[in-house]
Amino acid sequence: MTRAYGVLNDDPAMAQDVKRIGTYLRAKRSWFVVDKQGVIRYVRVTDPRGILPNDEILEVLAKLK
């Protein structure tokens, strides 16, 4: 799934970099909202320490109703 959604850290150069090897082949921090028909309505990808406010996701969900 991480490859399908484009959120996998799969750059082989990361495996050679001691600062980035810990994130190699791991998913980026990501949020997706998928509607009942299976259509992705919202995507947010942040750095590993990124936080998404609950209000932002709740707003997206409210618009789907």
PDB file of N, CA and C in Angstrom:
ATOM      1  N   MET A   1       0.811  -1.184   0.000  1.00  0.00           N
ATOM      2  CA  MET A   1       0.000   0.000   0.000  1.00  0.00           C
ATOM      3  C   MET A   1       0.861   1.257   0.000  1.00  0.00           C
ATOM      4  N   THR A   2       1.949   1.233   0.760  1.00  0.00           N
ATOM      5  CA  THR A   2       2.772   2.437   0.830  1.00  0.00           C
ATOM      6  C   THR A   2       3.342   2.802  -0.534  1.00  0.00           C
ATOM      7  N   ARG A   3       3.696   1.801  -1.317  1.00  0.00           N
ATOM      8  CA  ARG A   3       4.172   2.085  -2.686  1.00  0.00           C
ATOM      9  C   ARG A   3       3.024   2.577  -3.558  1.00  0.00           C
ATOM     10  N   ALA A   4       1.875   1.954  -3.445  1.00  0.00           N
ATOM     11  CA  ALA A   4       0.717   2.334  -4.253  1.00  0.00           C
ATOM     12  C   ALA A   4       0.299   3.783  -3.985  1.00  0.00           C
ATOM     13  N   TYR A   5       0.395   4.199  -2.726  1.00  0.00           N
ATOM     14  CA  TYR A   5       0.026   5.560  -2.359  1.00  0.00           C
ATOM     15  C   TYR A   5       1.191   6.536  -2.467  1.00  0.00           C
ATOM     16  N   GLY A   6       2.361   6.041  -2.814  1.00  0.00           N
ATOM     17  CA  GLY A   6       3.519   6.913  -3.016  1.00  0.00           C
ATOM     18  C   GLY A   6       4.104   7.495  -1.747  1.00  0.00           C
ATOM     19  N   VAL A   7       3.997   6.776  -0.631  1.00  0.00           N
ATOM     20  CA  VAL A   7       4.502   7.307   0.632  1.00  0.00           C
ATOM     21  C   VAL A   7       5.585   6.419   1.259  1.00  0.00           C
ATOM     22  N   LEU A   8       6.215   5.591   0.459  1.00  0.00           N
ATOM     23  CA  LEU A   8       7.289   4.734   0.953  1.00  0.00           C
ATOM     24  C   LEU A   8       8.631   5.392   0.684  1.00  0.00           C
ATOM     25  N   ASN A   9       9.465   5.475   1.687  1.00  0.00           N
ATOM     26  CA  ASN A   9      10.833   5.971   1.519  1.00  0.00           C
ATOM     27  C   ASN A   9      11.662   4.825   0.939  1.00  0.00           C
ATOM     28  N   ASP A  10      11.707   4.742  -0.386  1.00  0.00           N
ATOM     29  CA  ASP A  10      12.382   3.612  -1.020  1.00  0.00           C
ATOM     30  C   ASP A  10      13.547   4.013  -1.919  1.00  0.00           C
ATOM     31  N   ASP A  11      14.105   5.177  -1.685  1.00  0.00           N
ATOM     32  CA  ASP A  11      15.274   5.623  -2.438  1.00  0.00           C
ATOM     33  C   ASP A  11      16.488   4.829  -1.950  1.00  0.00           C
ATOM     34  N   PRO A  12      17.119   4.002  -2.791  1.00  0.00           N
ATOM     35  CA  PRO A  12      18.261   3.190  -2.357  1.00  0.00           C
ATOM     36  C   PRO A  12      19.416   4.013  -1.781  1.00  0.00           C
ATOM     37  N   ALA A  13      19.520   5.263  -2.167  1.00  0.00           N
ATOM     38  CA  ALA A  13      20.586   6.113  -1.623  1.00  0.00           C
ATOM     39  C   ALA A  13      20.422   6.298  -0.117  1.00  0.00           C
ATOM     40  N   MET A  14      19.205   6.170   0.375  1.00  0.00           N
ATOM     41  CA  MET A  14      18.962   6.314   1.810  1.00  0.00           C
ATOM     42  C   MET A  14      19.668   5.220   2.599  1.00  0.00           C
ATOM     43  N   ALA A  15      19.798   4.036   2.011  1.00  0.00           N
ATOM     44  CA  ALA A  15      20.446   2.915   2.695  1.00  0.00           C
ATOM     45  C   ALA A  15      21.942   3.153   2.881  1.00  0.00           C
ATOM     46  N   GLN A  16      22.505   4.044   2.097  1.00  0.00           N
ATOM     47  CA  GLN A  16      23.938   4.347   2.187  1.00  0.00           C
ATOM     48  C   GLN A  16      24.230   5.553   3.068  1.00  0.00           C
ATOM     49  N   ASP A  17      23.205   6.251   3.494  1.00  0.00           N
ATOM     50  CA  ASP A  17      23.349   7.475   4.281  1.00  0.00           C
ATOM     51  C   ASP A  17      23.035   7.172   5.751  1.00  0.00           C
ATOM     52  N   VAL A  18      24.037   7.272   6.615  1.00  0.00           N
ATOM     53  CA  VAL A  18      23.826   6.905   8.021  1.00  0.00           C
ATOM     54  C   VAL A  18      22.765   7.759   8.705  1.00  0.00           C
ATOM     55  N   LYS A  19      22.529   8.965   8.216  1.00  0.00           N
ATOM     56  CA  LYS A  19      21.514   9.831   8.826  1.00  0.00           C
ATOM     57  C   LYS A  19      20.103   9.458   8.375  1.00  0.00           C
ATOM     58  N   ARG A  20      19.986   8.811   7.217  1.00  0.00           N
ATOM     59  CA  ARG A  20      18.648   8.510   6.676  1.00  0.00           C
ATOM     60  C   ARG A  20      18.325   7.022   6.641  1.00  0.00           C
ATOM     61  N   ILE A  21      19.272   6.160   6.984  1.00  0.00           N
ATOM     62  CA  ILE A  21      19.030   4.715   6.871  1.00  0.00           C
ATOM     63  C   ILE A  21      17.875   4.251   7.752  1.00  0.00           C
ATOM     64  N   GLY A  22      17.647   4.935   8.868  1.00  0.00           N
ATOM     65  CA  GLY A  22      16.547   4.558   9.770  1.00  0.00           C
ATOM     66  C   GLY A  22      15.172   4.728   9.163  1.00  0.00           C
ATOM     67  N   THR A  23      15.049   5.565   8.140  1.00  0.00           N
ATOM     68  CA  THR A  23      13.746   5.772   7.507  1.00  0.00           C
ATOM     69  C   THR A  23      13.612   5.019   6.175  1.00  0.00           C
ATOM     70  N   TYR A  24      14.691   4.387   5.739  1.00  0.00           N
ATOM     71  CA  TYR A  24      14.653   3.636   4.480  1.00  0.00           C
ATOM     72  C   TYR A  24      13.662   2.478   4.593  1.00  0.00           C
ATOM     73  N   LEU A  25      12.815   2.344   3.596  1.00  0.00           N
ATOM     74  CA  LEU A  25      11.757   1.336   3.508  1.00  0.00           C
ATOM     75  C   LEU A  25      10.718   1.464   4.628  1.00  0.00           C
ATOM     76  N   ARG A  26      10.532   2.663   5.093  1.00  0.00           N
ATOM     77  CA  ARG A  26       9.467   2.956   6.052  1.00  0.00           C
ATOM     78  C   ARG A  26       8.536   3.987   5.431  1.00  0.00           C
ATOM     79  N   ALA A  27       7.298   3.957   5.861  1.00  0.00           N
ATOM     80  CA  ALA A  27       6.304   4.891   5.325  1.00  0.00           C
ATOM     81  C   ALA A  27       6.527   6.290   5.866  1.00  0.00           C
ATOM     82  N   LYS A  28       6.238   7.265   5.016  1.00  0.00           N
ATOM     83  CA  LYS A  28       6.231   8.656   5.456  1.00  0.00           C
ATOM     84  C   LYS A  28       4.975   8.857   6.298  1.00  0.00           C
ATOM     85  N   ARG A  29       4.973   9.841   7.187  1.00  0.00           N
ATOM     86  CA  ARG A  29       3.789  10.128   7.995  1.00  0.00           C
ATOM     87  C   ARG A  29       2.718  10.683   7.055  1.00  0.00           C
ATOM     88  N   SER A  30       1.604   9.970   6.946  1.00  0.00           N
ATOM     89  CA  SER A  30       0.596  10.297   5.937  1.00  0.00           C
ATOM     90  C   SER A  30      -0.815  10.117   6.479  1.00  0.00           C
ATOM     91  N   TRP A  31      -1.702  10.936   5.961  1.00  0.00           N
ATOM     92  CA  TRP A  31      -3.132  10.828   6.268  1.00  0.00           C
ATOM     93  C   TRP A  31      -3.888  10.807   4.946  1.00  0.00           C
ATOM     94  N   PHE A  32      -4.874   9.923   4.860  1.00  0.00           N
ATOM     95  CA  PHE A  32      -5.719   9.823   3.674  1.00  0.00           C
ATOM     96  C   PHE A  32      -7.170   9.770   4.117  1.00  0.00           C
ATOM     97  N   VAL A  33      -8.021  10.448   3.373  1.00  0.00           N
ATOM     98  CA  VAL A  33      -9.468  10.321   3.573  1.00  0.00           C
ATOM     99  C   VAL A  33      -9.998   9.757   2.265  1.00  0.00           C
ATOM    100  N   VAL A  34     -10.656   8.607   2.383  1.00  0.00           N
ATOM    101  CA  VAL A  34     -11.192   7.905   1.220  1.00  0.00           C
ATOM    102  C   VAL A  34     -12.706   7.858   1.372  1.00  0.00           C
ATOM    103  N   ASP A  35     -13.434   8.257   0.321  1.00  0.00           N
ATOM    104  CA  ASP A  35     -14.894   8.258   0.423  1.00  0.00           C
ATOM    105  C   ASP A  35     -15.460   6.853   0.223  1.00  0.00           C
ATOM    106  N   LYS A  36     -16.767   6.735   0.322  1.00  0.00           N
ATOM    107  CA  LYS A  36     -17.423   5.425   0.229  1.00  0.00           C
ATOM    108  C   LYS A  36     -17.243   4.756  -1.128  1.00  0.00           C
ATOM    109  N   GLN A  37     -16.973   5.546  -2.150  1.00  0.00           N
ATOM    110  CA  GLN A  37     -16.755   4.993  -3.484  1.00  0.00           C
ATOM    111  C   GLN A  37     -15.285   4.606  -3.707  1.00  0.00           C
ATOM    112  N   GLY A  38     -14.455   4.820  -2.704  1.00  0.00           N
ATOM    113  CA  GLY A  38     -13.048   4.468  -2.809  1.00  0.00           C
ATOM    114  C   GLY A  38     -12.179   5.550  -3.430  1.00  0.00           C
ATOM    115  N   VAL A  39     -12.717   6.769  -3.548  1.00  0.00           N
ATOM    116  CA  VAL A  39     -11.979   7.885  -4.130  1.00  0.00           C
ATOM    117  C   VAL A  39     -11.235   8.618  -3.013  1.00  0.00           C
ATOM    118  N   ILE A  40      -9.951   8.845  -3.235  1.00  0.00           N
ATOM    119  CA  ILE A  40      -9.164   9.593  -2.257  1.00  0.00           C
ATOM    120  C   ILE A  40      -9.568  11.055  -2.341  1.00  0.00           C
ATOM    121  N   ARG A  41     -10.049  11.597  -1.238  1.00  0.00           N
ATOM    122  CA  ARG A  41     -10.535  12.977  -1.190  1.00  0.00           C
ATOM    123  C   ARG A  41      -9.571  13.923  -0.496  1.00  0.00           C
ATOM    124  N   TYR A  42      -8.619  13.363   0.237  1.00  0.00           N
ATOM    125  CA  TYR A  42      -7.693  14.210   0.978  1.00  0.00           C
ATOM    126  C   TYR A  42      -6.402  13.432   1.208  1.00  0.00           C
ATOM    127  N   VAL A  43      -5.282  14.109   1.017  1.00  0.00           N
ATOM    128  CA  VAL A  43      -3.967  13.523   1.286  1.00  0.00           C
ATOM    129  C   VAL A  43      -3.119  14.570   1.976  1.00  0.00           C
ATOM    130  N   ARG A  44      -2.431  14.145   2.999  1.00  0.00           N
ATOM    131  CA  ARG A  44      -1.473  15.030   3.668  1.00  0.00           C
ATOM    132  C   ARG A  44      -0.271  14.187   4.040  1.00  0.00           C
ATOM    133  N   VAL A  45       0.900  14.587   3.593  1.00  0.00           N
ATOM    134  CA  VAL A  45       2.147  13.906   3.919  1.00  0.00           C
ATOM    135  C   VAL A  45       3.050  14.939   4.583  1.00  0.00           C
ATOM    136  N   THR A  46       3.564  14.591   5.763  1.00  0.00           N
ATOM    137  CA  THR A  46       4.415  15.519   6.500  1.00  0.00           C
ATOM    138  C   THR A  46       5.750  14.864   6.826  1.00  0.00           C
ATOM    139  N   ASP A  47       6.635  15.655   7.400  1.00  0.00           N
ATOM    140  CA  ASP A  47       7.897  15.088   7.859  1.00  0.00           C
ATOM    141  C   ASP A  47       7.598  14.171   9.043  1.00  0.00           C
ATOM    142  N   PRO A  48       8.556  13.331   9.431  1.00  0.00           N
ATOM    143  CA  PRO A  48       8.279  12.346  10.485  1.00  0.00           C
ATOM    144  C   PRO A  48       7.786  12.939  11.799  1.00  0.00           C
ATOM    145  N   ARG A  49       8.108  14.169  12.071  1.00  0.00           N
ATOM    146  CA  ARG A  49       7.675  14.781  13.327  1.00  0.00           C
ATOM    147  C   ARG A  49       6.425  15.631  13.141  1.00  0.00           C
ATOM    148  N   GLY A  50       5.889  15.665  11.922  1.00  0.00           N
ATOM    149  CA  GLY A  50       4.728  16.490  11.639  1.00  0.00           C
ATOM    150  C   GLY A  50       3.471  15.993  12.326  1.00  0.00           C
ATOM    151  N   ILE A  51       2.650  16.924  12.709  1.00  0.00           N
ATOM    152  CA  ILE A  51       1.383  16.600  13.360  1.00  0.00           C
ATOM    153  C   ILE A  51       0.267  17.270  12.566  1.00  0.00           C
ATOM    154  N   LEU A  52      -0.817  16.562  12.395  1.00  0.00           N
ATOM    155  CA  LEU A  52      -1.971  17.115  11.700  1.00  0.00           C
ATOM    156  C   LEU A  52      -3.033  17.463  12.728  1.00  0.00           C
ATOM    157  N   PRO A  53      -3.451  18.713  12.780  1.00  0.00           N
ATOM    158  CA  PRO A  53      -4.504  19.076  13.737  1.00  0.00           C
ATOM    159  C   PRO A  53      -5.797  18.317  13.444  1.00  0.00           C
ATOM    160  N   ASN A  54      -6.455  17.864  14.493  1.00  0.00           N
ATOM    161  CA  ASN A  54      -7.722  17.141  14.332  1.00  0.00           C
ATOM    162  C   ASN A  54      -8.740  17.972  13.568  1.00  0.00           C
ATOM    163  N   ASP A  55      -8.739  19.282  13.791  1.00  0.00           N
ATOM    164  CA  ASP A  55      -9.710  20.157  13.131  1.00  0.00           C
ATOM    165  C   ASP A  55      -9.620  20.048  11.614  1.00  0.00           C
ATOM    166  N   GLU A  56      -8.424  19.889  11.103  1.00  0.00           N
ATOM    167  CA  GLU A  56      -8.250  19.817   9.647  1.00  0.00           C
ATOM    168  C   GLU A  56      -8.922  18.560   9.086  1.00  0.00           C
ATOM    169  N   ILE A  57      -8.720  17.428   9.715  1.00  0.00           N
ATOM    170  CA  ILE A  57      -9.347  16.192   9.232  1.00  0.00           C
ATOM    171  C   ILE A  57     -10.855  16.256   9.440  1.00  0.00           C
ATOM    172  N   LEU A  58     -11.290  16.770  10.572  1.00  0.00           N
ATOM    173  CA  LEU A  58     -12.740  16.873  10.818  1.00  0.00           C
ATOM    174  C   LEU A  58     -13.413  17.769   9.789  1.00  0.00           C
ATOM    175  N   GLU A  59     -12.739  18.820   9.361  1.00  0.00           N
ATOM    176  CA  GLU A  59     -13.285  19.691   8.324  1.00  0.00           C
ATOM    177  C   GLU A  59     -13.437  18.954   7.002  1.00  0.00           C
ATOM    178  N   VAL A  60     -12.448  18.181   6.649  1.00  0.00           N
ATOM    179  CA  VAL A  60     -12.504  17.392   5.408  1.00  0.00           C
ATOM    180  C   VAL A  60     -13.643  16.377   5.489  1.00  0.00           C
ATOM    181  N   LEU A  61     -13.770  15.698   6.610  1.00  0.00           N
ATOM    182  CA  LEU A  61     -14.831  14.717   6.777  1.00  0.00           C
ATOM    183  C   LEU A  61     -16.214  15.366   6.724  1.00  0.00           C
ATOM    184  N   ALA A  62     -16.353  16.532   7.306  1.00  0.00           N
ATOM    185  CA  ALA A  62     -17.643  17.237   7.293  1.00  0.00           C
ATOM    186  C   ALA A  62     -18.062  17.581   5.868  1.00  0.00           C
ATOM    187  N   LYS A  63     -17.111  17.898   5.018  1.00  0.00           N
ATOM    188  CA  LYS A  63     -17.426  18.244   3.626  1.00  0.00           C
ATOM    189  C   LYS A  63     -17.894  17.034   2.826  1.00  0.00           C
ATOM    190  N   LEU A  64     -17.562  15.851   3.275  1.00  0.00           N
ATOM    191  CA  LEU A  64     -17.973  14.631   2.569  1.00  0.00           C
ATOM    192  C   LEU A  64     -19.421  14.252   2.849  1.00  0.00           C
ATOM    193  N   LYS A  65     -19.987  14.770   3.909  1.00  0.00           N
ATOM    194  CA  LYS A  65     -21.367  14.391   4.275  1.00  0.00           C
ATOM    195  C   LYS A  65     -22.376  14.999   3.364  1.00  0.00           C
TER     196      LYS A  65
END
